[in-house]
PDB file of N, CA and C in Angstrom:
ATOM      1  N   MET A   1       0.845  -1.171   0.000  1.00  0.00           N
ATOM      2  CA  MET A   1       0.000   0.000   0.000  1.00  0.00           C
ATOM      3  C   MET A   1       0.893   1.238   0.000  1.00  0.00           C
ATOM      4  N   PRO A   2       0.811   2.006  -1.061  1.00  0.00           N
ATOM      5  CA  PRO A   2       1.706   3.162  -1.184  1.00  0.00           C
ATOM      6  C   PRO A   2       1.235   4.374  -0.391  1.00  0.00           C
ATOM      7  N   ILE A   3       2.212   5.158   0.003  1.00  0.00           N
ATOM      8  CA  ILE A   3       1.945   6.450   0.633  1.00  0.00           C
ATOM      9  C   ILE A   3       2.169   7.505  -0.439  1.00  0.00           C
ATOM     10  N   TYR A   4       1.187   8.356  -0.653  1.00  0.00           N
ATOM     11  CA  TYR A   4       1.263   9.407  -1.661  1.00  0.00           C
ATOM     12  C   TYR A   4       1.328  10.771  -0.992  1.00  0.00           C
ATOM     13  N   GLU A   5       1.900  11.727  -1.703  1.00  0.00           N
ATOM     14  CA  GLU A   5       1.919  13.113  -1.252  1.00  0.00           C
ATOM     15  C   GLU A   5       0.784  13.853  -1.948  1.00  0.00           C
ATOM     16  N   PHE A   6       0.077  14.674  -1.191  1.00  0.00           N
ATOM     17  CA  PHE A   6      -1.043  15.447  -1.721  1.00  0.00           C
ATOM     18  C   PHE A   6      -0.895  16.915  -1.341  1.00  0.00           C
ATOM     19  N   LYS A   7      -1.567  17.763  -2.100  1.00  0.00           N
ATOM     20  CA  LYS A   7      -1.669  19.179  -1.765  1.00  0.00           C
ATOM     21  C   LYS A   7      -3.148  19.542  -1.842  1.00  0.00           C
ATOM     22  N   CYS A   8      -3.642  20.163  -0.776  1.00  0.00           N
ATOM     23  CA  CYS A   8      -5.029  20.616  -0.758  1.00  0.00           C
ATOM     24  C   CYS A   8      -5.135  21.874  -1.607  1.00  0.00           C
ATOM     25  N   GLN A   9      -6.037  21.864  -2.557  1.00  0.00           N
ATOM     26  CA  GLN A   9      -6.217  23.012  -3.440  1.00  0.00           C
ATOM     27  C   GLN A   9      -7.013  24.132  -2.765  1.00  0.00           C
ATOM     28  N   ASP A  10      -7.656  23.833  -1.629  1.00  0.00           N
ATOM     29  CA  ASP A  10      -8.428  24.847  -0.916  1.00  0.00           C
ATOM     30  C   ASP A  10      -7.586  25.607   0.109  1.00  0.00           C
ATOM     31  N   CYS A  11      -6.832  24.888   0.956  1.00  0.00           N
ATOM     32  CA  CYS A  11      -6.066  25.571   2.007  1.00  0.00           C
ATOM     33  C   CYS A  11      -4.563  25.599   1.742  1.00  0.00           C
ATOM     34  N   GLY A  12      -4.087  24.819   0.748  1.00  0.00           N
ATOM     35  CA  GLY A  12      -2.682  24.834   0.385  1.00  0.00           C
ATOM     36  C   GLY A  12      -1.784  23.910   1.182  1.00  0.00           C
ATOM     37  N   ARG A  13      -2.338  23.132   2.089  1.00  0.00           N
ATOM     38  CA  ARG A  13      -1.519  22.247   2.924  1.00  0.00           C
ATOM     39  C   ARG A  13      -1.004  21.053   2.133  1.00  0.00           C
ATOM     40  N   ASP A  14       0.273  20.716   2.342  1.00  0.00           N
ATOM     41  CA  ASP A  14       0.876  19.501   1.801  1.00  0.00           C
ATOM     42  C   ASP A  14       0.783  18.427   2.874  1.00  0.00           C
ATOM     43  N   PHE A  15       0.429  17.192   2.477  1.00  0.00           N
ATOM     44  CA  PHE A  15       0.341  16.096   3.437  1.00  0.00           C
ATOM     45  C   PHE A  15       0.540  14.773   2.724  1.00  0.00           C
ATOM     46  N   GLU A  16       0.814  13.734   3.497  1.00  0.00           N
ATOM     47  CA  GLU A  16       0.969  12.379   2.978  1.00  0.00           C
ATOM     48  C   GLU A  16      -0.216  11.545   3.429  1.00  0.00           C
ATOM     49  N   GLU A  17      -0.564  10.563   2.605  1.00  0.00           N
ATOM     50  CA  GLU A  17      -1.713   9.717   2.921  1.00  0.00           C
ATOM     51  C   GLU A  17      -1.451   8.296   2.431  1.00  0.00           C
ATOM     52  N   LEU A  18      -1.738   7.312   3.264  1.00  0.00           N
ATOM     53  CA  LEU A  18      -1.670   5.915   2.870  1.00  0.00           C
ATOM     54  C   LEU A  18      -2.924   5.619   2.061  1.00  0.00           C
ATOM     55  N   VAL A  19      -2.758   5.188   0.814  1.00  0.00           N
ATOM     56  CA  VAL A  19      -3.898   4.960  -0.075  1.00  0.00           C
ATOM     57  C   VAL A  19      -4.080   3.463  -0.279  1.00  0.00           C
ATOM     58  N   ILE A  20      -5.181   2.940   0.201  1.00  0.00           N
ATOM     59  CA  ILE A  20      -5.468   1.518   0.109  1.00  0.00           C
ATOM     60  C   ILE A  20      -6.147   1.189  -1.216  1.00  0.00           C
ATOM     61  N   SER A  21      -7.023   2.063  -1.674  1.00  0.00           N
ATOM     62  CA  SER A  21      -7.770   1.838  -2.910  1.00  0.00           C
ATOM     63  C   SER A  21      -7.718   3.090  -3.775  1.00  0.00           C
ATOM     64  N   ARG A  22      -7.624   2.891  -5.085  1.00  0.00           N
ATOM     65  CA  ARG A  22      -7.591   4.052  -5.998  1.00  0.00           C
ATOM     66  C   ARG A  22      -8.882   4.853  -5.941  1.00  0.00           C
ATOM     67  N   SER A  23      -9.969   4.221  -5.561  1.00  0.00           N
ATOM     68  CA  SER A  23     -11.253   4.911  -5.504  1.00  0.00           C
ATOM     69  C   SER A  23     -11.466   5.638  -4.172  1.00  0.00           C
ATOM     70  N   GLU A  24     -10.508   5.504  -3.264  1.00  0.00           N
ATOM     71  CA  GLU A  24     -10.622   6.146  -1.948  1.00  0.00           C
ATOM     72  C   GLU A  24     -10.621   7.675  -2.088  1.00  0.00           C
ATOM     73  N   LYS A  25     -11.539   8.317  -1.398  1.00  0.00           N
ATOM     74  CA  LYS A  25     -11.627   9.772  -1.416  1.00  0.00           C
ATOM     75  C   LYS A  25     -10.618  10.330  -0.404  1.00  0.00           C
ATOM     76  N   ILE A  26      -9.745  11.219  -0.850  1.00  0.00           N
ATOM     77  CA  ILE A  26      -8.715  11.801   0.004  1.00  0.00           C
ATOM     78  C   ILE A  26      -9.240  13.114   0.580  1.00  0.00           C
ATOM     79  N   ILE A  27      -9.183  13.219   1.887  1.00  0.00           N
ATOM     80  CA  ILE A  27      -9.677  14.401   2.607  1.00  0.00           C
ATOM     81  C   ILE A  27      -8.498  15.107   3.254  1.00  0.00           C
ATOM     82  N   CYS A  28      -8.433  16.417   3.109  1.00  0.00           N
ATOM     83  CA  CYS A  28      -7.369  17.215   3.722  1.00  0.00           C
ATOM     84  C   CYS A  28      -7.514  17.171   5.247  1.00  0.00           C
ATOM     85  N   PRO A  29      -6.437  16.835   5.966  1.00  0.00           N
ATOM     86  CA  PRO A  29      -6.523  16.780   7.428  1.00  0.00           C
ATOM     87  C   PRO A  29      -6.632  18.152   8.074  1.00  0.00           C
ATOM     88  N   ALA A  30      -6.313  19.213   7.349  1.00  0.00           N
ATOM     89  CA  ALA A  30      -6.369  20.565   7.915  1.00  0.00           C
ATOM     90  C   ALA A  30      -7.754  21.197   7.783  1.00  0.00           C
ATOM     91  N   CYS A  31      -8.329  21.111   6.581  1.00  0.00           N
ATOM     92  CA  CYS A  31      -9.602  21.820   6.371  1.00  0.00           C
ATOM     93  C   CYS A  31     -10.790  20.897   6.106  1.00  0.00           C
ATOM     94  N   GLY A  32     -10.529  19.593   5.915  1.00  0.00           N
ATOM     95  CA  GLY A  32     -11.616  18.638   5.723  1.00  0.00           C
ATOM     96  C   GLY A  32     -12.199  18.603   4.324  1.00  0.00           C
ATOM     97  N   GLN A  33     -11.595  19.307   3.376  1.00  0.00           N
ATOM     98  CA  GLN A  33     -12.103  19.329   2.007  1.00  0.00           C
ATOM     99  C   GLN A  33     -11.490  18.197   1.196  1.00  0.00           C
ATOM    100  N   ALA A  34     -12.168  17.813   0.128  1.00  0.00           N
ATOM    101  CA  ALA A  34     -11.703  16.714  -0.715  1.00  0.00           C
ATOM    102  C   ALA A  34     -11.066  17.214  -2.012  1.00  0.00           C
ATOM    103  N   ASN A  35     -10.739  18.478  -2.082  1.00  0.00           N
ATOM    104  CA  ASN A  35     -10.139  19.064  -3.275  1.00  0.00           C
ATOM    105  C   ASN A  35      -8.615  18.936  -3.186  1.00  0.00           C
ATOM    106  N   CYS A  36      -8.116  17.686  -3.274  1.00  0.00           N
ATOM    107  CA  CYS A  36      -6.698  17.400  -3.083  1.00  0.00           C
ATOM    108  C   CYS A  36      -6.100  16.843  -4.363  1.00  0.00           C
ATOM    109  N   GLN A  37      -4.885  17.266  -4.659  1.00  0.00           N
ATOM    110  CA  GLN A  37      -4.201  16.826  -5.859  1.00  0.00           C
ATOM    111  C   GLN A  37      -2.973  16.003  -5.472  1.00  0.00           C
ATOM    112  N   LYS A  38      -2.815  14.835  -6.104  1.00  0.00           N
ATOM    113  CA  LYS A  38      -1.670  13.969  -5.837  1.00  0.00           C
ATOM    114  C   LYS A  38      -0.439  14.545  -6.522  1.00  0.00           C
ATOM    115  N   HIS A  39       0.702  14.531  -5.800  1.00  0.00           N
ATOM    116  CA  HIS A  39       1.965  15.025  -6.332  1.00  0.00           C
ATOM    117  C   HIS A  39       2.927  13.865  -6.490  1.00  0.00           C
ATOM    118  N   LEU A  40       3.885  14.039  -7.381  1.00  0.00           N
ATOM    119  CA  LEU A  40       4.940  13.045  -7.519  1.00  0.00           C
ATOM    120  C   LEU A  40       5.810  13.095  -6.284  1.00  0.00           C
ATOM    121  N   SER A  41       6.065  11.953  -5.696  1.00  0.00           N
ATOM    122  CA  SER A  41       6.913  11.875  -4.515  1.00  0.00           C
ATOM    123  C   SER A  41       8.367  11.759  -4.940  1.00  0.00           C
ATOM    124  N   SER A  42       9.243  12.337  -4.147  1.00  0.00           N
ATOM    125  CA  SER A  42      10.668  12.146  -4.387  1.00  0.00           C
ATOM    126  C   SER A  42      11.118  10.963  -3.546  1.00  0.00           C
ATOM    127  N   PHE A  43      12.083  10.227  -4.044  1.00  0.00           N
ATOM    128  CA  PHE A  43      12.589   9.094  -3.308  1.00  0.00           C
ATOM    129  C   PHE A  43      14.079   9.002  -3.562  1.00  0.00           C
ATOM    130  N   ARG A  44      14.717   8.187  -2.787  1.00  0.00           N
ATOM    131  CA  ARG A  44      16.168   8.087  -2.848  1.00  0.00           C
ATOM    132  C   ARG A  44      16.557   6.829  -3.606  1.00  0.00           C
ATOM    133  N   CYS A  45      17.078   7.017  -4.814  1.00  0.00           N
ATOM    134  CA  CYS A  45      17.469   5.901  -5.660  1.00  0.00           C
ATOM    135  C   CYS A  45      18.517   6.391  -6.640  1.00  0.00           C
ATOM    136  N   GLY A  46      19.409   5.536  -7.014  1.00  0.00           N
ATOM    137  CA  GLY A  46      20.446   5.945  -7.946  1.00  0.00           C
ATOM    138  C   GLY A  46      20.709   4.872  -8.978  1.00  0.00           C
ATOM    139  N   PRO A  47      21.522   5.190  -9.973  1.00  0.00           N
ATOM    140  CA  PRO A  47      21.838   4.220 -11.008  1.00  0.00           C
ATOM    141  C   PRO A  47      22.682   3.074 -10.458  1.00  0.00           C
ATOM    142  N   SER A  48      22.516   1.904 -10.986  1.00  0.00           N
ATOM    143  CA  SER A  48      23.299   0.708 -10.631  1.00  0.00           C
ATOM    144  C   SER A  48      23.255   0.381  -9.154  1.00  0.00           C
ATOM    145  N   GLY A  49      22.147   0.631  -8.486  1.00  0.00           N
ATOM    146  CA  GLY A  49      22.009   0.265  -7.089  1.00  0.00           C
ATOM    147  C   GLY A  49      22.613   1.260  -6.120  1.00  0.00           C
ATOM    148  N   GLY A  50      23.202   2.339  -6.612  1.00  0.00           N
ATOM    149  CA  GLY A  50      23.755   3.358  -5.730  1.00  0.00           C
ATOM    150  C   GLY A  50      22.645   4.202  -5.149  1.00  0.00           C
ATOM    151  N   THR A  51      22.990   5.110  -4.284  1.00  0.00           N
ATOM    152  CA  THR A  51      21.989   6.000  -3.720  1.00  0.00           C
ATOM    153  C   THR A  51      22.221   7.394  -4.242  1.00  0.00           C
ATOM    154  N   MET A  52      21.250   8.263  -4.053  1.00  0.00           N
ATOM    155  CA  MET A  52      21.376   9.649  -4.456  1.00  0.00           C
ATOM    156  C   MET A  52      21.267  10.506  -3.214  1.00  0.00           C
ATOM    157  N   ASP A  53      22.085  11.551  -3.137  1.00  0.00           N
ATOM    158  CA  ASP A  53      21.952  12.447  -2.003  1.00  0.00           C
ATOM    159  C   ASP A  53      20.761  13.362  -2.247  1.00  0.00           C
ATOM    160  N   LEU A  54      20.372  14.137  -1.250  1.00  0.00           N
ATOM    161  CA  LEU A  54      19.184  14.969  -1.366  1.00  0.00           C
ATOM    162  C   LEU A  54      19.331  16.056  -2.420  1.00  0.00           C
ATOM    163  N   ALA A  55      20.556  16.422  -2.791  1.00  0.00           N
ATOM    164  CA  ALA A  55      20.783  17.435  -3.817  1.00  0.00           C
ATOM    165  C   ALA A  55      20.693  16.831  -5.213  1.00  0.00           C
ATOM    166  N   GLY A  56      20.548  15.510  -5.307  1.00  0.00           N
ATOM    167  CA  GLY A  56      20.380  14.864  -6.594  1.00  0.00           C
ATOM    168  C   GLY A  56      21.632  14.250  -7.157  1.00  0.00           C
ATOM    169  N   GLY A  57      22.772  14.398  -6.508  1.00  0.00           N
ATOM    170  CA  GLY A  57      24.006  13.790  -6.977  1.00  0.00           C
ATOM    171  C   GLY A  57      24.089  12.356  -6.525  1.00  0.00           C
ATOM    172  N   SER A  58      24.709  11.513  -7.336  1.00  0.00           N
ATOM    173  CA  SER A  58      24.795  10.116  -6.931  1.00  0.00           C
ATOM    174  C   SER A  58      26.007   9.894  -6.060  1.00  0.00           C
ATOM    175  N   THR A  59      25.912   8.911  -5.203  1.00  0.00           N
ATOM    176  CA  THR A  59      27.032   8.509  -4.367  1.00  0.00           C
ATOM    177  C   THR A  59      27.438   7.119  -4.788  1.00  0.00           C
ATOM    178  N   SER A  60      28.552   6.687  -4.373  1.00  0.00           N
ATOM    179  CA  SER A  60      29.070   5.380  -4.756  1.00  0.00           C
ATOM    180  C   SER A  60      28.208   4.274  -4.173  1.00  0.00           C
ATOM    181  N   SER A  61      28.008   3.224  -4.963  1.00  0.00           N
ATOM    182  CA  SER A  61      27.246   2.091  -4.448  1.00  0.00           C
ATOM    183  C   SER A  61      28.114   1.179  -3.595  1.00  0.00           C
ATOM    184  N   SER A  62      29.435   1.466  -3.494  1.00  0.00           N
ATOM    185  CA  SER A  62      30.298   0.600  -2.709  1.00  0.00           C
ATOM    186  C   SER A  62      30.461   1.067  -1.277  1.00  0.00           C
ATOM    187  N   SER A  63      29.900   2.195  -0.905  1.00  0.00           N
ATOM    188  CA  SER A  63      29.970   2.632   0.483  1.00  0.00           C
ATOM    189  C   SER A  63      28.603   2.507   1.123  1.00  0.00           C
ATOM    190  N   SER A  64      28.571   2.233   2.420  1.00  0.00           N
ATOM    191  CA  SER A  64      27.291   2.045   3.082  1.00  0.00           C
ATOM    192  C   SER A  64      26.569   3.373   3.215  1.00  0.00           C
ATOM    193  N   SER A  65      25.267   3.294   3.384  1.00  0.00           N
ATOM    194  CA  SER A  65      24.483   4.512   3.489  1.00  0.00           C
ATOM    195  C   SER A  65      24.660   5.192   4.842  1.00  0.00           C
ATOM    196  N   CYS A  66      25.109   4.468   5.866  1.00  0.00           N
ATOM    197  CA  CYS A  66      25.304   5.103   7.165  1.00  0.00           C
ATOM    198  C   CYS A  66      26.768   5.455   7.412  1.00  0.00           C
ATOM    199  N   GLY A  67      27.691   4.877   6.635  1.00  0.00           N
ATOM    200  CA  GLY A  67      29.100   5.212   6.750  1.00  0.00           C
ATOM    201  C   GLY A  67      29.840   4.511   7.879  1.00  0.00           C
ATOM    202  N   SER A  68      29.184   3.599   8.611  1.00  0.00           N
ATOM    203  CA  SER A  68      29.849   2.962   9.741  1.00  0.00           C
ATOM    204  C   SER A  68      30.581   1.672   9.358  1.00  0.00           C
ATOM    205  N   CYS A  69      30.418   1.212   8.123  1.00  0.00           N
ATOM    206  CA  CYS A  69      31.104   0.006   7.682  1.00  0.00           C
ATOM    207  C   CYS A  69      31.292   0.049   6.173  1.00  0.00           C
ATOM    208  N   SER A  70      31.803  -1.017   5.602  1.00  0.00           N
ATOM    209  CA  SER A  70      32.039  -1.041   4.163  1.00  0.00           C
ATOM    210  C   SER A  70      30.979  -1.825   3.395  1.00  0.00           C
ATOM    211  N   ALA A  71      29.910  -2.241   4.061  1.00  0.00           N
ATOM    212  CA  ALA A  71      28.838  -2.966   3.384  1.00  0.00           C
ATOM    213  C   ALA A  71      28.131  -2.039   2.403  1.00  0.00           C
ATOM    214  N   PRO A  72      27.628  -2.561   1.277  1.00  0.00           N
ATOM    215  CA  PRO A  72      26.964  -1.702   0.293  1.00  0.00           C
ATOM    216  C   PRO A  72      25.625  -1.128   0.761  1.00  0.00           C
ATOM    217  N   SER A  73      25.056  -1.682   1.821  1.00  0.00           N
ATOM    218  CA  SER A  73      23.811  -1.137   2.359  1.00  0.00           C
ATOM    219  C   SER A  73      23.726  -1.494   3.847  1.00  0.00           C
ATOM    220  N   CYS A  74      22.857  -0.823   4.566  1.00  0.00           N
ATOM    221  CA  CYS A  74      22.702  -1.119   6.001  1.00  0.00           C
ATOM    222  C   CYS A  74      22.173  -2.540   6.207  1.00  0.00           C
ATOM    223  N   ALA A  75      21.424  -3.058   5.237  1.00  0.00           N
ATOM    224  CA  ALA A  75      20.936  -4.431   5.353  1.00  0.00           C
ATOM    225  C   ALA A  75      22.101  -5.419   5.338  1.00  0.00           C
ATOM    226  N   GLY A  76      23.205  -5.044   4.670  1.00  0.00           N
ATOM    227  CA  GLY A  76      24.356  -5.925   4.572  1.00  0.00           C
ATOM    228  C   GLY A  76      25.203  -5.954   5.826  1.00  0.00           C
ATOM    229  N   CYS A  77      25.201  -4.871   6.619  1.00  0.00           N
ATOM    230  CA  CYS A  77      26.063  -4.852   7.795  1.00  0.00           C
ATOM    231  C   CYS A  77      25.330  -5.269   9.070  1.00  0.00           C
ATOM    232  N   GLY A  78      24.005  -5.245   9.033  1.00  0.00           N
ATOM    233  CA  GLY A  78      23.218  -5.698  10.175  1.00  0.00           C
ATOM    234  C   GLY A  78      23.209  -4.753  11.362  1.00  0.00           C
ATOM    235  N   SER A  79      23.581  -3.482  11.147  1.00  0.00           N
ATOM    236  CA  SER A  79      23.618  -2.550  12.273  1.00  0.00           C
ATOM    237  C   SER A  79      22.265  -1.945  12.589  1.00  0.00           C
ATOM    238  N   ASN A  80      21.278  -2.187  11.743  1.00  0.00           N
ATOM    239  CA  ASN A  80      19.958  -1.620  12.038  1.00  0.00           C
ATOM    240  C   ASN A  80      18.947  -2.643  12.316  1.00  0.00           C
TER     241      ASN A  80
END
């Protein structure tokens, strides 16, 4: 079940919502109106399994995302 980002067209609030069904009516948590538009979400992904920093530049896929070990991901080092 994906979480989508929305913007209320009435009050201007940005919010996230877990959407179970495409037919589900999305209501703004601030003003209670249903005039909400889905936005493209940004996510962290890079080419060849690497990650991207928040500025959009890619980082090496051979360094861990937390920097505490040499595993290619935190799942590989077991620290989380």
